[in-house]
Amino acid sequence: LGAEVIEAENGAVSRDILESRGDIDLVITDLQMPLLDGYAFIEWARGSGRRVPIVALTAHTSGQDAERCAAIGCDEYASKPISRNKLAHVCLRALGRCCGVRAA
């Protein structure tokens, strides 16, 4: 989709990347990551004042997950598996909420 992607093998590495770089435009996080799960990562990011748009992905599709994500400051939530088009749409929606980006 034309994005530069930085991968992190776990939530702790995700936190370190976000802490050390000021040029992150969007975060896509799995909720079930080792060391620091997606919920804890989102809570840390919002608690530290970071306003980067965050999309949470999960294989679990309970409504409680979506509600919990919204309550802790996640911008978008989607379940896996996810198609490329759906992922692009979810990311654009998250960016639009925070940055005024609109889908073409």
N, C-alpha and C. Protein backbone atom coordinates (compact mmCIF):
# COMPACT_ATOMS: atom_id res chain seq x y z
N LEU A 1 0.81 -1.21 0.00
CA LEU A 1 0.00 0.00 0.00
C LEU A 1 0.84 1.26 0.00
N GLY A 2 2.16 1.10 -0.07
CA GLY A 2 3.03 2.25 -0.16
C GLY A 2 3.56 2.77 1.17
N ALA A 3 3.22 2.12 2.24
CA ALA A 3 3.68 2.56 3.56
C ALA A 3 5.04 1.97 3.89
N GLU A 4 5.83 2.72 4.64
CA GLU A 4 7.06 2.16 5.20
C GLU A 4 6.65 1.45 6.49
N VAL A 5 6.98 0.18 6.60
CA VAL A 5 6.54 -0.64 7.73
C VAL A 5 7.73 -0.96 8.62
N ILE A 6 7.55 -0.76 9.91
CA ILE A 6 8.54 -1.15 10.90
C ILE A 6 7.90 -2.26 11.73
N GLU A 7 8.50 -3.43 11.71
CA GLU A 7 7.95 -4.57 12.44
C GLU A 7 8.57 -4.67 13.82
N ALA A 8 7.76 -5.13 14.77
CA ALA A 8 8.24 -5.38 16.13
C ALA A 8 7.76 -6.76 16.54
N GLU A 9 8.64 -7.55 17.10
CA GLU A 9 8.29 -8.93 17.43
C GLU A 9 7.47 -9.07 18.71
N ASN A 10 7.36 -8.01 19.48
CA ASN A 10 6.53 -8.07 20.68
C ASN A 10 6.17 -6.65 21.13
N GLY A 11 5.32 -6.57 22.11
CA GLY A 11 4.84 -5.27 22.57
C GLY A 11 5.91 -4.40 23.20
N ALA A 12 6.88 -5.01 23.85
CA ALA A 12 7.96 -4.23 24.46
C ALA A 12 8.80 -3.54 23.39
N VAL A 13 9.05 -4.24 22.30
CA VAL A 13 9.81 -3.65 21.20
C VAL A 13 8.97 -2.54 20.54
N SER A 14 7.66 -2.77 20.42
CA SER A 14 6.77 -1.73 19.87
C SER A 14 6.85 -0.47 20.71
N ARG A 15 6.83 -0.62 22.00
CA ARG A 15 6.94 0.52 22.92
C ARG A 15 8.26 1.25 22.71
N ASP A 16 9.35 0.47 22.62
CA ASP A 16 10.67 1.08 22.43
C ASP A 16 10.75 1.86 21.12
N ILE A 17 10.17 1.31 20.06
CA ILE A 17 10.18 1.99 18.77
C ILE A 17 9.39 3.29 18.85
N LEU A 18 8.21 3.23 19.42
CA LEU A 18 7.38 4.43 19.51
C LEU A 18 8.03 5.47 20.41
N GLU A 19 8.72 5.03 21.44
CA GLU A 19 9.40 5.94 22.35
C GLU A 19 10.59 6.63 21.68
N SER A 20 11.28 5.93 20.81
CA SER A 20 12.51 6.46 20.24
C SER A 20 12.34 7.19 18.91
N ARG A 21 11.19 7.04 18.28
CA ARG A 21 10.99 7.66 16.96
C ARG A 21 9.83 8.65 17.02
N GLY A 22 10.01 9.78 16.41
CA GLY A 22 8.97 10.79 16.37
C GLY A 22 8.21 10.82 15.06
N ASP A 23 8.54 9.90 14.15
CA ASP A 23 7.96 9.94 12.81
C ASP A 23 6.97 8.81 12.53
N ILE A 24 6.39 8.22 13.57
CA ILE A 24 5.42 7.14 13.39
C ILE A 24 4.04 7.76 13.14
N ASP A 25 3.43 7.41 12.01
CA ASP A 25 2.14 7.99 11.64
C ASP A 25 0.95 7.14 12.06
N LEU A 26 1.17 5.84 12.26
CA LEU A 26 0.09 4.91 12.57
C LEU A 26 0.69 3.66 13.21
N VAL A 27 0.02 3.14 14.21
CA VAL A 27 0.44 1.88 14.84
C VAL A 27 -0.66 0.85 14.63
N ILE A 28 -0.26 -0.33 14.16
CA ILE A 28 -1.16 -1.48 14.09
C ILE A 28 -0.62 -2.48 15.10
N THR A 29 -1.43 -2.83 16.08
CA THR A 29 -0.96 -3.73 17.13
C THR A 29 -1.88 -4.94 17.27
N ASP A 30 -1.26 -6.07 17.49
CA ASP A 30 -2.03 -7.26 17.84
C ASP A 30 -2.33 -7.17 19.33
N LEU A 31 -3.48 -7.64 19.73
CA LEU A 31 -3.81 -7.58 21.16
C LEU A 31 -3.13 -8.68 21.95
N GLN A 32 -2.77 -9.79 21.31
CA GLN A 32 -2.13 -10.90 22.00
C GLN A 32 -0.65 -10.98 21.63
N MET A 33 0.14 -10.02 22.11
CA MET A 33 1.59 -10.03 21.88
C MET A 33 2.30 -10.48 23.15
N PRO A 34 3.48 -11.08 22.98
CA PRO A 34 4.25 -11.45 24.16
C PRO A 34 4.90 -10.23 24.82
N LEU A 35 5.28 -10.38 26.05
CA LEU A 35 5.99 -9.41 26.89
C LEU A 35 5.14 -8.22 27.28
N LEU A 36 4.46 -7.60 26.35
CA LEU A 36 3.58 -6.47 26.62
C LEU A 36 2.44 -6.61 25.62
N ASP A 37 1.26 -7.01 26.10
CA ASP A 37 0.18 -7.25 25.14
C ASP A 37 -0.35 -5.94 24.57
N GLY A 38 -1.20 -6.04 23.57
CA GLY A 38 -1.71 -4.87 22.89
C GLY A 38 -2.48 -3.93 23.80
N TYR A 39 -3.22 -4.49 24.75
CA TYR A 39 -3.96 -3.63 25.70
C TYR A 39 -3.00 -2.78 26.52
N ALA A 40 -1.97 -3.43 27.06
CA ALA A 40 -0.99 -2.70 27.88
C ALA A 40 -0.22 -1.69 27.03
N PHE A 41 0.07 -2.06 25.78
CA PHE A 41 0.76 -1.13 24.88
C PHE A 41 -0.09 0.11 24.63
N ILE A 42 -1.36 -0.08 24.34
CA ILE A 42 -2.26 1.05 24.08
C ILE A 42 -2.38 1.92 25.33
N GLU A 43 -2.55 1.29 26.49
CA GLU A 43 -2.64 2.05 27.74
C GLU A 43 -1.37 2.86 27.98
N TRP A 44 -0.20 2.25 27.72
CA TRP A 44 1.06 2.96 27.88
C TRP A 44 1.12 4.15 26.92
N ALA A 45 0.79 3.91 25.64
CA ALA A 45 0.88 4.97 24.63
C ALA A 45 -0.03 6.15 25.00
N ARG A 46 -1.24 5.86 25.38
CA ARG A 46 -2.17 6.94 25.73
C ARG A 46 -1.78 7.59 27.07
N GLY A 47 -1.31 6.79 28.00
CA GLY A 47 -0.89 7.32 29.29
C GLY A 47 0.33 8.21 29.20
N SER A 48 1.14 7.99 28.16
CA SER A 48 2.34 8.82 27.98
C SER A 48 2.06 10.01 27.07
N GLY A 49 0.81 10.19 26.71
CA GLY A 49 0.42 11.36 25.93
C GLY A 49 0.56 11.24 24.43
N ARG A 50 0.91 10.07 23.94
CA ARG A 50 1.07 9.91 22.49
C ARG A 50 -0.30 9.84 21.81
N ARG A 51 -0.47 10.62 20.76
CA ARG A 51 -1.74 10.68 20.04
C ARG A 51 -1.68 10.00 18.68
N VAL A 52 -0.65 9.21 18.42
CA VAL A 52 -0.56 8.48 17.16
C VAL A 52 -1.80 7.58 17.02
N PRO A 53 -2.40 7.52 15.83
CA PRO A 53 -3.54 6.62 15.64
C PRO A 53 -3.12 5.17 15.88
N ILE A 54 -3.98 4.42 16.57
CA ILE A 54 -3.70 3.02 16.88
C ILE A 54 -4.85 2.15 16.39
N VAL A 55 -4.49 1.12 15.61
CA VAL A 55 -5.44 0.11 15.14
C VAL A 55 -5.11 -1.18 15.88
N ALA A 56 -6.09 -1.77 16.52
CA ALA A 56 -5.91 -3.05 17.23
C ALA A 56 -6.44 -4.18 16.36
N LEU A 57 -5.66 -5.23 16.23
CA LEU A 57 -6.08 -6.43 15.51
C LEU A 57 -6.13 -7.59 16.48
N THR A 58 -7.10 -8.46 16.29
CA THR A 58 -7.20 -9.64 17.15
C THR A 58 -7.87 -10.78 16.42
N ALA A 59 -7.54 -11.99 16.81
CA ALA A 59 -8.21 -13.18 16.29
C ALA A 59 -9.50 -13.43 17.07
N HIS A 60 -9.62 -12.82 18.23
CA HIS A 60 -10.81 -12.96 19.06
C HIS A 60 -11.82 -11.90 18.63
N THR A 61 -13.06 -12.28 18.52
CA THR A 61 -14.04 -11.34 17.99
C THR A 61 -15.15 -10.99 18.98
N SER A 62 -14.83 -10.99 20.24
CA SER A 62 -15.87 -10.64 21.20
C SER A 62 -16.10 -9.14 21.21
N GLY A 63 -17.33 -8.76 21.42
CA GLY A 63 -17.66 -7.34 21.54
C GLY A 63 -16.96 -6.69 22.71
N GLN A 64 -16.63 -7.48 23.71
CA GLN A 64 -15.93 -6.94 24.88
C GLN A 64 -14.55 -6.43 24.51
N ASP A 65 -13.87 -7.12 23.59
CA ASP A 65 -12.54 -6.66 23.14
C ASP A 65 -12.65 -5.28 22.49
N ALA A 66 -13.63 -5.12 21.61
CA ALA A 66 -13.81 -3.84 20.93
C ALA A 66 -14.13 -2.73 21.92
N GLU A 67 -14.99 -3.01 22.87
CA GLU A 67 -15.34 -2.02 23.89
C GLU A 67 -14.14 -1.65 24.74
N ARG A 68 -13.37 -2.66 25.15
CA ARG A 68 -12.18 -2.40 25.97
C ARG A 68 -11.17 -1.56 25.21
N CYS A 69 -10.96 -1.88 23.92
CA CYS A 69 -10.03 -1.11 23.10
C CYS A 69 -10.46 0.35 23.01
N ALA A 70 -11.73 0.58 22.76
CA ALA A 70 -12.24 1.95 22.66
C ALA A 70 -12.06 2.68 23.99
N ALA A 71 -12.31 1.98 25.08
CA ALA A 71 -12.22 2.60 26.41
C ALA A 71 -10.80 3.03 26.76
N ILE A 72 -9.79 2.33 26.24
CA ILE A 72 -8.41 2.68 26.59
C ILE A 72 -7.75 3.58 25.55
N GLY A 73 -8.51 3.96 24.51
CA GLY A 73 -7.98 4.95 23.58
C GLY A 73 -7.58 4.46 22.21
N CYS A 74 -7.99 3.26 21.85
CA CYS A 74 -7.69 2.74 20.52
C CYS A 74 -8.59 3.43 19.50
N ASP A 75 -8.05 3.76 18.35
CA ASP A 75 -8.81 4.47 17.32
C ASP A 75 -9.65 3.55 16.46
N GLU A 76 -9.16 2.36 16.17
CA GLU A 76 -9.89 1.39 15.35
C GLU A 76 -9.60 -0.02 15.85
N TYR A 77 -10.50 -0.93 15.54
CA TYR A 77 -10.43 -2.31 15.98
C TYR A 77 -10.87 -3.17 14.82
N ALA A 78 -10.15 -4.26 14.54
CA ALA A 78 -10.54 -5.18 13.48
C ALA A 78 -10.14 -6.59 13.87
N SER A 79 -10.87 -7.55 13.34
CA SER A 79 -10.56 -8.94 13.64
C SER A 79 -9.83 -9.58 12.46
N LYS A 80 -9.01 -10.57 12.81
CA LYS A 80 -8.26 -11.34 11.81
C LYS A 80 -9.04 -12.62 11.52
N PRO A 81 -8.89 -13.18 10.36
CA PRO A 81 -8.08 -12.68 9.25
C PRO A 81 -8.71 -11.42 8.66
N ILE A 82 -7.86 -10.60 8.06
CA ILE A 82 -8.31 -9.34 7.49
C ILE A 82 -7.75 -9.20 6.07
N SER A 83 -8.58 -8.77 5.16
CA SER A 83 -8.12 -8.59 3.78
C SER A 83 -7.31 -7.30 3.68
N ARG A 84 -6.53 -7.21 2.63
CA ARG A 84 -5.73 -6.02 2.37
C ARG A 84 -6.63 -4.79 2.25
N ASN A 85 -7.74 -4.91 1.53
CA ASN A 85 -8.65 -3.78 1.36
C ASN A 85 -9.27 -3.35 2.67
N LYS A 86 -9.68 -4.30 3.48
CA LYS A 86 -10.28 -3.97 4.78
C LYS A 86 -9.25 -3.31 5.68
N LEU A 87 -8.02 -3.83 5.69
CA LEU A 87 -6.97 -3.23 6.51
C LEU A 87 -6.70 -1.79 6.06
N ALA A 88 -6.64 -1.57 4.76
CA ALA A 88 -6.42 -0.22 4.25
C ALA A 88 -7.55 0.70 4.69
N HIS A 89 -8.78 0.24 4.61
CA HIS A 89 -9.93 1.04 5.02
C HIS A 89 -9.87 1.38 6.51
N VAL A 90 -9.56 0.40 7.34
CA VAL A 90 -9.47 0.61 8.79
C VAL A 90 -8.35 1.61 9.11
N CYS A 91 -7.22 1.48 8.45
CA CYS A 91 -6.10 2.40 8.69
C CYS A 91 -6.45 3.82 8.27
N LEU A 92 -7.09 3.98 7.12
CA LEU A 92 -7.50 5.31 6.67
C LEU A 92 -8.52 5.93 7.62
N ARG A 93 -9.43 5.10 8.13
CA ARG A 93 -10.40 5.61 9.10
C ARG A 93 -9.70 6.11 10.35
N ALA A 94 -8.72 5.34 10.84
CA ALA A 94 -7.96 5.74 12.03
C ALA A 94 -7.19 7.03 11.77
N LEU A 95 -6.56 7.12 10.63
CA LEU A 95 -5.82 8.33 10.28
C LEU A 95 -6.76 9.52 10.14
N GLY A 96 -7.93 9.29 9.60
CA GLY A 96 -8.91 10.37 9.44
C GLY A 96 -9.38 10.93 10.75
N ARG A 97 -9.55 10.08 11.74
CA ARG A 97 -9.97 10.54 13.06
C ARG A 97 -8.94 11.46 13.69
N CYS A 98 -7.68 11.13 13.46
CA CYS A 98 -6.61 11.87 14.12
C CYS A 98 -6.02 12.98 13.26
N CYS A 99 -6.02 12.78 11.95
CA CYS A 99 -5.24 13.67 11.08
C CYS A 99 -6.01 14.25 9.92
N GLY A 100 -7.29 13.95 9.81
CA GLY A 100 -8.09 14.46 8.72
C GLY A 100 -7.84 13.81 7.37
N VAL A 101 -7.22 12.63 7.33
CA VAL A 101 -6.95 11.92 6.09
C VAL A 101 -8.26 11.28 5.62
N ARG A 102 -8.53 11.36 4.34
CA ARG A 102 -9.75 10.79 3.78
C ARG A 102 -9.39 9.73 2.72
N ALA A 103 -10.23 8.70 2.65
CA ALA A 103 -10.03 7.67 1.64
C ALA A 103 -10.39 8.24 0.27
N ALA A 104 -9.68 7.78 -0.75
CA ALA A 104 -9.94 8.25 -2.13
C ALA A 104 -11.17 7.57 -2.69
